[in-house]
Structure formats: structure tokens, C-alpha cells
Amino acid sequence: MAEVSVATVSYVLNNVAKQTIPDETRSRVLDAAKQLNYVPNLAARSLVKQKSGLIGILINRAENEGFWRQLRYSQWINRLEQLLTGYGYHVVLFGLDAVIPKLDIISERKLDGVFVVDVKTENFHLISSHFSVGVPLIVVDSIIDDALFYKVNYDYLDAFMAAQASASVPFEYAIIDNFNNKELVEHIAFASKLEPDCIHIMQNEQALELFLRNHAHKKGMILNEFAAISAAKYVDPANLTVICSAGCPEILPFSAGRIAFGDRKPEAAFQLMLQLLDNSKRGPESSYILVKAIND
């Protein structure tokens, strides 16, 4: 069996493009690497490719968050990390203070791409300025008036319409998960098509209980499955339709209605990042990627 050169082994293990390596040789190298439990050295790879192989996820955290906010992104992060790792990237998760973000930790890492999640508009450009030109930056769960950056959000108008279509009677109130990005909160409230006094924004469970006392026997919509678990303590779950923004519809009481998105949001974020990593100047025409609910 012919020997394989060191250069060829390097090309295969580093997935170097524009190299005409026979499939049989490539398979031999990969099989040998698997048997030897080979793990790529990211530092060495970064010297060759001028890429770190690292993708950052920046979660903006508010002070004294309720558990529904703390758990809101767990499933999304888990699925996105699986997709990126399967494609050969390593994921670095950062927690930032939503009010006064300390950005030194960002400067300590060379990232190939980054997701910025639920960011205050007034902090966004400060955060984005810490990344070099050409590094894809995707904003998640935020409305940012800047066409240079792509935003991935749920299509809340579509989701509320789907909820209304599934109900036998009109909804009389909505409970909205709170976000650091106030523009997104305002957009969700508008998408519900309800009057302001019929909309409750989640702050704490005590305020939620007070609101629900006046709506105990009415039909309502609620955003975030974990917030719905709290609401189900005070009202009949059969009167709730939940827009499953946390990706965990299976935790809901059986009698509650649900509008689910499946894995569409992490998939959309992942595919957009791959597209921008390939060519940061050739993304989708619209800067807003709206993820629609699954039609049962």
C-alpha cells in the first residue's frame, strides 16, 4: 500500500480546499485519525488558516432574572452548539451584563463569527465595534435598525395569527416574555393585536398572579413555556395557548394549546452563519430572518 505524505495528511485533516486528493487516500487518513483518537489543535490550525475555529454566543443577562428568562435560551444554545460542533467549530459562550456589558472578555478571544442575543439597542454598536470587519455578527431576539447586520427573530405576527386561528373563541389577554431589547417587546405587543391594558409583560411571579386574578376564566395567549408553567398555577391551562419560544413544548400541561417552532430557529441561525462565513458580503437580501411556526 502506497505511503501517504505528511502534506497530504495535513490537507485532509485540515480540510484544505483545492487539493485533488483521491477519495481512497482521504478515507485512509480519516480512518487512521479516528483509530488514534486524533483531536485537531485549534492553535496550530489557526496559524495555517488564519481562523480560530471559534464561534461566540453572547447572552445579555438582566439583573434578578426569573427562571423563565434564565431557561429561555437553553434549548436554542444546545441545538446551535450541536450544529456548529458537527460542522467542526468550537462554541464559546459569554454572559454579558445587559446594562453595562464588560467587553474585555471578548477582546481576549479571536472569533470567526458571533451571535449577539437580546441586546439593548444603545449597547449594540459598542459590542459590535469589538469585532473586526469581515467577522459575521448575527443578532438574535432583537430589533436593531441597522441593515449591515442580520437579525434572527421569530415571526411573532404569524405566530399570534396561528394562535388565533386555532382558538374557538377570541383571546382576551396576552402575557409577553420580557426582553432587554425594548423594541422587540413593543413589536410583540403590537403583533398580539390586543389593547395595551390586556397585555402583561413578565417581570415577576407576584405581578403575574395579580394580572391573572382579573382574567381567571378568560382565554389568553402566553409567550415562553416556562412563563406558562408559572401562569398555570393561577388559571386553568386549558384556557392558555402558548407560543413556544423556548423550544420546550413538551413541558406544558396537556390541556394547554401550543404554537411550536421545532428546531427552526437554531437551524436558521446556523445556516445564516455558514453563509456569512463563506462570504460575509453575500447574505440574504433582507436583514431580518423571520422564523415561522410549524403548521401541524
Protein backbone atom coordinates (compact mmCIF):
# COMPACT_ATOMS: atom_id res chain seq x y z
CA MET A 1 0.00 0.00 0.00
CA ALA A 2 1.48 3.35 -1.02
CA GLU A 3 2.65 5.71 1.71
CA VAL A 4 0.82 8.98 2.28
CA SER A 5 2.90 12.14 2.53
CA VAL A 6 2.83 14.39 5.59
CA ALA A 7 1.47 17.21 3.43
CA THR A 8 -1.42 15.06 2.22
CA VAL A 9 -2.29 14.07 5.79
CA SER A 10 -2.29 17.75 6.77
CA TYR A 11 -4.51 18.70 3.84
CA VAL A 12 -7.07 16.02 4.73
CA LEU A 13 -7.16 16.69 8.48
CA ASN A 14 -7.47 20.42 7.95
CA ASN A 15 -9.99 20.02 5.11
CA VAL A 16 -7.92 22.22 2.81
CA ALA A 17 -9.78 23.13 -0.37
CA LYS A 18 -8.42 22.97 -3.94
CA GLN A 19 -6.41 19.80 -3.30
CA THR A 20 -7.00 16.85 -5.63
CA ILE A 21 -6.75 14.02 -3.13
CA PRO A 22 -8.25 10.64 -4.11
CA ASP A 23 -11.23 9.52 -2.06
CA GLU A 24 -9.46 6.28 -1.14
CA THR A 25 -6.49 8.22 0.31
CA ARG A 26 -8.78 10.62 2.16
CA SER A 27 -10.65 7.68 3.70
CA ARG A 28 -7.41 6.02 4.82
CA VAL A 29 -6.24 9.20 6.56
CA LEU A 30 -9.56 9.79 8.30
CA ASP A 31 -9.80 6.14 9.41
CA ALA A 32 -6.29 6.29 10.87
CA ALA A 33 -7.08 9.57 12.65
CA LYS A 34 -10.20 8.02 14.15
CA GLN A 35 -8.30 4.97 15.40
CA LEU A 36 -5.68 7.21 17.01
CA ASN A 37 -8.35 9.48 18.60
CA TYR A 38 -6.84 12.44 16.78
CA VAL A 39 -8.07 15.83 18.04
CA PRO A 40 -7.28 18.92 15.91
CA ASN A 41 -5.09 21.52 17.59
CA LEU A 42 -7.02 24.77 17.19
CA ALA A 43 -3.99 26.95 17.84
CA ALA A 44 -1.99 25.23 15.11
CA ARG A 45 -4.94 25.25 12.73
CA SER A 46 -5.48 28.97 13.29
CA LEU A 47 -1.89 29.67 12.22
CA VAL A 48 -2.43 27.81 8.97
CA LYS A 49 -5.92 29.03 8.13
CA GLN A 50 -5.84 32.40 9.91
CA LYS A 51 -9.05 31.19 11.56
CA SER A 52 -9.59 30.23 15.17
CA GLY A 53 -12.44 27.76 14.63
CA LEU A 54 -14.34 29.53 17.43
CA ILE A 55 -17.91 30.81 17.25
CA GLY A 56 -19.11 33.03 20.10
CA ILE A 57 -22.58 33.26 21.62
CA LEU A 58 -23.07 36.44 23.66
CA ILE A 59 -26.06 36.28 26.01
CA ASN A 60 -27.07 39.61 27.55
CA ARG A 61 -28.25 38.95 31.10
CA ALA A 62 -30.51 41.19 33.17
CA GLU A 63 -30.25 41.51 36.95
CA ASN A 64 -32.57 39.30 39.04
CA GLU A 65 -33.88 37.29 36.10
CA GLY A 66 -36.82 34.99 36.68
CA PHE A 67 -36.31 31.32 35.87
CA TRP A 68 -38.35 31.70 32.65
CA ARG A 69 -35.65 34.10 31.36
CA GLN A 70 -32.77 32.04 32.68
CA LEU A 71 -34.02 28.96 30.81
CA ARG A 72 -35.27 30.75 27.70
CA TYR A 73 -32.19 30.03 25.55
CA SER A 74 -31.09 26.65 26.94
CA GLN A 75 -32.60 24.58 24.14
CA TRP A 76 -31.58 27.06 21.43
CA ILE A 77 -27.97 27.12 22.63
CA ASN A 78 -27.88 23.33 22.95
CA ARG A 79 -29.11 22.74 19.39
CA LEU A 80 -26.98 25.52 17.86
CA GLU A 81 -23.88 24.14 19.62
CA GLN A 82 -24.64 20.67 18.22
CA LEU A 83 -24.92 22.03 14.69
CA LEU A 84 -21.74 24.10 14.90
CA THR A 85 -19.72 21.34 16.57
CA GLY A 86 -20.89 18.87 13.94
CA TYR A 87 -19.52 21.23 11.31
CA GLY A 88 -16.13 21.44 13.05
CA TYR A 89 -16.46 24.63 15.09
CA HIS A 90 -15.98 25.13 18.81
CA VAL A 91 -18.52 27.29 20.66
CA VAL A 92 -17.62 29.85 23.33
CA LEU A 93 -20.50 31.12 25.50
CA PHE A 94 -20.25 34.57 27.06
CA GLY A 95 -22.60 36.16 29.60
CA LEU A 96 -22.77 39.96 29.45
CA ASP A 97 -24.39 42.44 31.80
CA ALA A 98 -27.30 43.76 29.76
CA VAL A 99 -26.98 47.26 31.23
CA ILE A 100 -23.20 47.75 31.44
CA PRO A 101 -21.54 45.00 29.40
CA LYS A 102 -17.88 44.35 30.24
CA LEU A 103 -16.28 43.66 26.89
CA ASP A 104 -12.70 42.78 27.87
CA ILE A 105 -13.51 39.09 27.68
CA ILE A 106 -14.49 39.49 24.02
CA SER A 107 -11.14 41.03 23.14
CA GLU A 108 -9.36 38.02 24.65
CA ARG A 109 -10.82 35.65 22.04
CA LYS A 110 -10.39 35.64 18.29
CA LEU A 111 -13.78 34.60 17.00
CA ASP A 112 -14.63 33.60 13.44
CA GLY A 113 -18.27 34.57 13.97
CA VAL A 114 -20.58 35.65 16.78
CA PHE A 115 -24.23 35.60 17.81
CA VAL A 116 -25.38 38.53 19.99
CA VAL A 117 -28.56 37.63 21.85
CA ASP A 118 -31.23 40.00 23.26
CA VAL A 119 -29.16 43.18 23.25
CA LYS A 120 -30.18 46.70 24.22
CA THR A 121 -30.12 48.93 21.15
CA GLU A 122 -27.96 51.51 22.91
CA ASN A 123 -25.29 48.86 23.62
CA PHE A 124 -25.28 47.09 20.28
CA HIS A 125 -22.78 49.19 18.35
CA LEU A 126 -20.42 49.28 21.31
CA ILE A 127 -20.41 45.47 21.29
CA SER A 128 -20.14 45.16 17.51
CA SER A 129 -17.18 47.56 17.42
CA HIS A 130 -15.08 44.95 19.25
CA PHE A 131 -15.13 42.65 16.21
CA SER A 132 -13.03 43.02 13.09
CA VAL A 133 -14.55 43.86 9.73
CA GLY A 134 -15.49 40.63 7.98
CA VAL A 135 -16.37 38.72 11.18
CA PRO A 136 -20.05 37.73 10.79
CA LEU A 137 -22.19 39.11 13.62
CA ILE A 138 -25.77 37.87 13.83
CA VAL A 139 -28.26 39.46 16.21
CA VAL A 140 -30.85 37.19 17.82
CA ASP A 141 -34.09 38.28 19.54
CA SER A 142 -33.52 41.97 18.90
CA ILE A 143 -34.77 44.66 16.59
CA ILE A 144 -31.80 46.75 15.50
CA ASP A 145 -32.23 49.48 12.90
CA ASP A 146 -29.02 48.73 11.02
CA ALA A 147 -29.13 46.96 7.66
CA LEU A 148 -25.46 45.98 7.94
CA PHE A 149 -26.28 43.28 10.47
CA TYR A 150 -28.57 40.28 10.13
CA LYS A 151 -31.26 39.64 12.74
CA VAL A 152 -32.92 36.29 13.51
CA ASN A 153 -36.30 36.57 15.25
CA TYR A 154 -39.47 34.57 15.48
CA ASP A 155 -42.25 35.74 13.18
CA TYR A 156 -44.48 36.82 16.06
CA LEU A 157 -47.22 38.23 13.84
CA ASP A 158 -47.51 34.86 12.10
CA ALA A 159 -47.41 33.02 15.46
CA PHE A 160 -50.19 35.12 17.01
CA MET A 161 -52.29 34.69 13.87
CA ALA A 162 -51.79 30.92 14.09
CA ALA A 163 -52.84 31.01 17.75
CA GLN A 164 -55.98 33.00 16.92
CA ALA A 165 -56.84 30.62 14.08
CA SER A 166 -56.56 27.61 16.42
CA ALA A 167 -58.86 29.07 19.09
CA SER A 168 -62.60 28.52 19.28
CA VAL A 169 -63.14 31.96 20.85
CA PRO A 170 -61.09 35.19 20.65
CA PHE A 171 -58.28 35.72 23.12
CA GLU A 172 -58.83 38.42 25.72
CA TYR A 173 -55.31 38.86 27.05
CA ALA A 174 -51.66 38.11 26.33
CA ILE A 175 -48.66 37.55 28.59
CA ILE A 176 -45.40 38.56 26.94
CA ASP A 177 -41.94 37.41 27.94
CA ASN A 178 -39.70 40.36 28.77
CA PHE A 179 -36.59 41.19 26.74
CA ASN A 180 -33.68 43.60 27.15
CA ASN A 181 -34.42 44.83 23.65
CA LYS A 182 -37.45 47.07 24.26
CA GLU A 183 -38.12 47.43 20.54
CA LEU A 184 -38.75 43.70 20.35
CA VAL A 185 -41.15 43.85 23.32
CA GLU A 186 -43.07 46.66 21.60
CA HIS A 187 -43.17 44.69 18.36
CA ILE A 188 -44.53 41.57 20.11
CA ALA A 189 -47.20 43.61 21.87
CA PHE A 190 -48.26 45.09 18.52
CA ALA A 191 -48.30 41.63 16.89
CA SER A 192 -50.75 40.37 19.53
CA LYS A 193 -53.40 42.82 18.19
CA LEU A 194 -54.66 43.40 21.76
CA GLU A 195 -55.15 46.64 23.65
CA PRO A 196 -52.29 47.67 26.00
CA ASP A 197 -54.34 47.06 29.16
CA CYS A 198 -54.87 43.46 28.02
CA ILE A 199 -51.14 42.78 27.74
CA HIS A 200 -48.96 41.79 30.68
CA ILE A 201 -45.15 41.87 30.38
CA MET A 202 -43.48 39.29 32.61
CA GLN A 203 -41.45 40.88 35.41
CA ASN A 204 -42.04 38.61 38.39
CA GLU A 205 -44.50 35.97 39.51
CA GLN A 206 -46.27 38.23 42.02
CA ALA A 207 -47.25 40.71 39.28
CA LEU A 208 -48.30 37.81 37.06
CA GLU A 209 -50.64 36.45 39.75
CA LEU A 210 -52.25 39.87 40.22
CA PHE A 211 -52.84 40.23 36.49
CA LEU A 212 -54.36 36.75 36.18
CA ARG A 213 -56.81 37.36 39.01
CA ASN A 214 -58.70 39.63 36.62
CA HIS A 215 -58.56 37.11 33.77
CA ALA A 216 -59.08 33.82 35.57
CA HIS A 217 -61.76 32.43 33.27
CA LYS A 218 -60.72 34.11 30.03
CA LYS A 219 -58.78 32.74 27.06
CA GLY A 220 -55.21 34.00 26.90
CA MET A 221 -52.02 33.72 24.90
CA ILE A 222 -48.64 33.44 26.59
CA LEU A 223 -45.08 33.63 25.31
CA ASN A 224 -42.45 31.23 26.70
CA GLU A 225 -43.26 27.76 28.04
CA PHE A 226 -41.56 28.41 31.37
CA ALA A 227 -43.68 31.52 31.93
CA ALA A 228 -46.70 29.37 31.07
CA ILE A 229 -45.76 26.91 33.82
CA SER A 230 -45.99 29.79 36.30
CA ALA A 231 -49.29 31.01 34.85
CA ALA A 232 -50.79 27.51 35.10
CA LYS A 233 -50.62 27.83 38.90
CA TYR A 234 -53.31 30.51 38.79
CA VAL A 235 -55.51 29.72 35.78
CA ASP A 236 -56.79 26.63 34.01
CA PRO A 237 -54.14 25.62 31.41
CA ALA A 238 -56.97 24.73 29.05
CA ASN A 239 -57.60 28.48 28.72
CA LEU A 240 -53.99 29.12 27.60
CA THR A 241 -52.38 28.92 24.18
CA VAL A 242 -48.61 29.03 24.47
CA ILE A 243 -46.24 30.37 21.82
CA CYS A 244 -43.31 28.06 22.48
CA SER A 245 -40.40 30.49 22.17
CA ALA A 246 -38.14 28.40 24.46
CA GLY A 247 -38.29 25.31 22.27
CA CYS A 248 -39.70 23.06 25.04
CA PRO A 249 -43.39 22.43 24.24
CA GLU A 250 -43.21 19.01 25.90
CA ILE A 251 -43.09 20.58 29.39
CA LEU A 252 -46.55 22.16 29.02
CA PRO A 253 -49.71 20.77 30.61
CA PHE A 254 -51.51 18.52 28.16
CA SER A 255 -54.62 20.72 28.08
CA ALA A 256 -52.77 23.89 27.01
CA GLY A 257 -52.76 24.86 23.37
CA ARG A 258 -49.39 25.40 21.75
CA ILE A 259 -47.77 27.04 18.75
CA ALA A 260 -44.36 25.41 18.22
CA PHE A 261 -41.30 26.22 16.09
CA GLY A 262 -39.33 22.99 16.45
CA ASP A 263 -35.63 23.49 15.68
CA ARG A 264 -36.26 26.16 13.07
CA LYS A 265 -34.64 28.99 14.99
CA PRO A 266 -31.24 27.34 15.70
CA GLU A 267 -31.28 25.90 12.17
CA ALA A 268 -31.91 29.36 10.67
CA ALA A 269 -29.15 30.91 12.79
CA PHE A 270 -26.73 28.11 11.88
CA GLN A 271 -27.40 28.24 8.14
CA LEU A 272 -27.09 32.03 8.09
CA MET A 273 -23.76 31.87 9.93
CA LEU A 274 -22.39 29.31 7.45
CA GLN A 275 -23.47 31.51 4.56
CA LEU A 276 -21.76 34.57 6.04
CA LEU A 277 -18.60 32.65 6.98
CA ASP A 278 -18.34 31.59 3.37
CA ASN A 279 -18.78 35.18 2.16
CA SER A 280 -19.65 37.90 4.68
CA LYS A 281 -20.84 40.20 1.88
CA ARG A 282 -23.29 37.77 0.30
CA GLY A 283 -26.08 37.16 2.75
CA PRO A 284 -29.87 37.13 2.25
CA GLU A 285 -31.50 40.18 0.69
CA SER A 286 -33.47 41.04 3.83
CA SER A 287 -31.53 41.77 7.03
CA TYR A 288 -34.36 40.22 9.09
CA ILE A 289 -34.71 36.44 9.11
CA LEU A 290 -38.18 35.62 10.48
CA VAL A 291 -38.73 32.09 11.76
CA LYS A 292 -42.27 30.87 11.28
CA ALA A 293 -44.16 28.38 13.43
CA ILE A 294 -44.70 24.79 12.38
CA ASN A 295 -48.06 24.11 10.76
CA ASP A 296 -49.49 20.94 12.26
